[in-house]
Amino acid sequence: MVFDSLTWAGAESQHDNHLLLIRFREIPGTFPRSIYPQRVNVFWEMVETDENGLPTENEFRRLETFENRLVNAIERDAQSILVAALSCNGEKEFVFYTTDVSEFMERLTSMPQEKERYPITIQKYDDPAWSYFAAVVPKVA
């Protein structure tokens, strides 16, 4: 399965009176969601934010490096898929769906690291209906 063919879209919203930026993959109805019944949310606590709670240029570079490393480790053989990234009030959330949470965690801990630990926390859920994705991603025509 080639995830590169899935297009990305973006949207802006508000959450608790803060600007919320959402970047998400446009997942077609034919996508085999049932293969990915578990969700892993990776939260990055930003160190440097602007007045809107969004990353500064320096923080954006750190986030970009982390995301690229994470996606390369996690998606390389379609074991998991990054479906959305949300930025709001000093936090960035990466939303993945996976075939196996244990394998996801193994790949996460084995990927290249910086000298300092990444400022992340992880939450894992069973979500075979992709209900979280449906709740956070805007309906697009």
Foldseek 3Di string as FASTA:
>chain_A
DDPVVFDKDWDWDDDPNAIKIKIFTDDDPPPPLLLFQKKKKKKAQAPADDPRQHHDPVSVVVVVVLVVQLCCQCPVPDQKDFGMWMGINRMIITMMTGNDPVSSVVSSVPTDQDPDHGRIDMDMDGHSVCVVVVVPDDDDD
